[in-house]
Amino acid sequence: MQFLIIGRDGTDDEALNRRLAVREDHIALGDTMVADGTMWYGAALTTEDGKMCGSMLMMDFPSRQELDEWLAIEPYVVGKVWESIEIQTCNTRNPWQFNRDREFYESRKS
């Protein structure tokens, strides 16, 4: 099952510090999940001035139960970074369309 996950960070004064404290663990887990095909795509959500304020993840799990098992160990959940989490089932048409060479994305940077 495909899931779109939107995690929104807390807005208190320590929110960014909590994110930065566990960010390497979050990225390492994400890298493992990309390698095994569970995570298809992820992005940091940012404010207009470029500060991280949340996350967007496109995930593929066999069931909601496996998604919940991941959430139980996800560093941004365990580290109380995400204040709210929206989970939406979805169906990505032609997911392989995102598998483009790095040069494609590099050429689009402003």
Protein backbone atom coordinates (compact mmCIF):
# COMPACT_ATOMS: atom_id res chain seq x y z
CA MET A 1 0.00 0.00 0.00
CA GLN A 2 1.23 3.44 -0.80
CA PHE A 3 1.08 6.15 1.83
CA LEU A 4 1.74 9.87 1.81
CA ILE A 5 3.05 10.94 5.22
CA ILE A 6 3.16 14.59 6.26
CA GLY A 7 4.81 15.22 9.62
CA ARG A 8 4.64 18.78 10.95
CA ASP A 9 7.21 19.88 13.48
CA GLY A 10 6.35 21.53 16.75
CA THR A 11 6.44 25.32 16.82
CA ASP A 12 7.99 25.80 20.25
CA ASP A 13 11.45 27.33 20.75
CA GLU A 14 13.14 23.89 20.99
CA ALA A 15 11.52 22.34 17.89
CA LEU A 16 14.48 22.88 15.56
CA ASN A 17 16.92 21.61 18.19
CA ARG A 18 14.90 18.39 18.58
CA ARG A 19 14.92 17.92 14.78
CA LEU A 20 18.66 18.50 14.50
CA ALA A 21 19.39 16.17 17.44
CA VAL A 22 17.89 13.14 15.64
CA ARG A 23 18.20 14.19 12.00
CA GLU A 24 21.18 11.92 11.22
CA ASP A 25 19.28 8.92 12.62
CA HIS A 26 16.20 9.88 10.60
CA ILE A 27 18.25 10.15 7.41
CA ALA A 28 20.09 6.87 8.09
CA LEU A 29 16.81 5.03 8.58
CA GLY A 30 15.46 6.69 5.44
CA ASP A 31 18.50 5.57 3.45
CA THR A 32 17.88 1.98 4.56
CA MET A 33 14.23 2.26 3.59
CA VAL A 34 15.08 3.74 0.18
CA ALA A 35 17.45 0.83 -0.41
CA ASP A 36 14.78 -1.76 0.44
CA GLY A 37 12.09 0.05 -1.55
CA THR A 38 9.89 1.07 1.37
CA MET A 39 10.53 4.79 1.02
CA TRP A 40 10.15 6.15 -2.49
CA TYR A 41 10.70 9.83 -1.87
CA GLY A 42 11.07 12.29 0.95
CA ALA A 43 11.47 16.02 1.43
CA ALA A 44 11.91 18.46 4.26
CA LEU A 45 9.07 20.96 4.45
CA THR A 46 10.33 24.50 4.86
CA THR A 47 9.01 27.90 5.75
CA GLU A 48 9.26 30.67 3.19
CA ASP A 49 12.57 31.72 4.76
CA GLY A 50 13.99 28.19 4.34
CA LYS A 51 13.72 26.85 7.90
CA MET A 52 12.75 23.18 8.22
CA CYS A 53 9.27 22.79 9.68
CA GLY A 54 8.18 19.28 8.74
CA SER A 55 8.58 16.32 6.41
CA MET A 56 6.84 14.71 3.45
CA LEU A 57 7.41 11.03 2.70
CA MET A 58 6.05 8.78 -0.03
CA MET A 59 6.11 5.26 1.41
CA ASP A 60 5.14 1.76 0.31
CA PHE A 61 4.30 -0.76 3.04
CA PRO A 62 2.50 -4.11 2.76
CA SER A 63 -0.10 -2.85 5.25
CA ARG A 64 -0.99 -0.11 7.68
CA GLN A 65 0.37 -2.33 10.48
CA GLU A 66 3.89 -2.20 8.99
CA LEU A 67 3.60 1.57 8.64
CA ASP A 68 2.65 1.81 12.32
CA GLU A 69 5.64 -0.39 13.24
CA TRP A 70 7.92 2.03 11.37
CA LEU A 71 6.34 5.03 13.10
CA ALA A 72 7.11 3.40 16.46
CA ILE A 73 10.85 3.59 15.69
CA GLU A 74 11.00 6.66 13.42
CA PRO A 75 13.46 9.11 15.05
CA TYR A 76 11.24 12.14 14.34
CA VAL A 77 8.39 10.44 16.22
CA VAL A 78 10.50 9.02 19.05
CA GLY A 79 12.38 12.34 19.35
CA LYS A 80 9.10 14.30 19.49
CA VAL A 81 9.98 16.32 16.37
CA TRP A 82 6.70 15.80 14.56
CA GLU A 83 3.85 17.41 16.49
CA SER A 84 1.25 16.12 14.06
CA ILE A 85 1.28 13.35 11.48
CA GLU A 86 -1.11 13.10 8.55
CA ILE A 87 -1.31 9.71 6.84
CA GLN A 88 -3.11 9.35 3.54
CA THR A 89 -3.32 6.23 1.40
CA CYS A 90 -2.62 7.00 -2.23
CA ASN A 91 -1.83 5.48 -5.59
CA THR A 92 1.15 6.85 -7.50
CA ARG A 93 0.78 6.33 -11.23
CA ASN A 94 4.03 5.21 -12.84
CA PRO A 95 6.24 5.59 -9.75
CA TRP A 96 9.30 4.78 -11.87
CA GLN A 97 8.96 8.21 -13.46
CA PHE A 98 10.91 9.63 -10.51
CA ASN A 99 13.96 7.49 -11.26
CA ARG A 100 15.83 10.05 -13.34
CA ASP A 101 19.54 10.62 -13.48
CA ARG A 102 21.03 13.03 -10.98
CA GLU A 103 22.00 15.34 -13.85
CA PHE A 104 18.33 15.92 -14.62
CA TYR A 105 17.68 17.29 -11.14
CA GLU A 106 20.96 19.20 -10.96
CA SER A 107 20.10 21.00 -14.19
CA ARG A 108 16.83 22.23 -12.68
CA LYS A 109 18.34 23.90 -9.60
CA SER A 110 18.03 27.66 -9.54
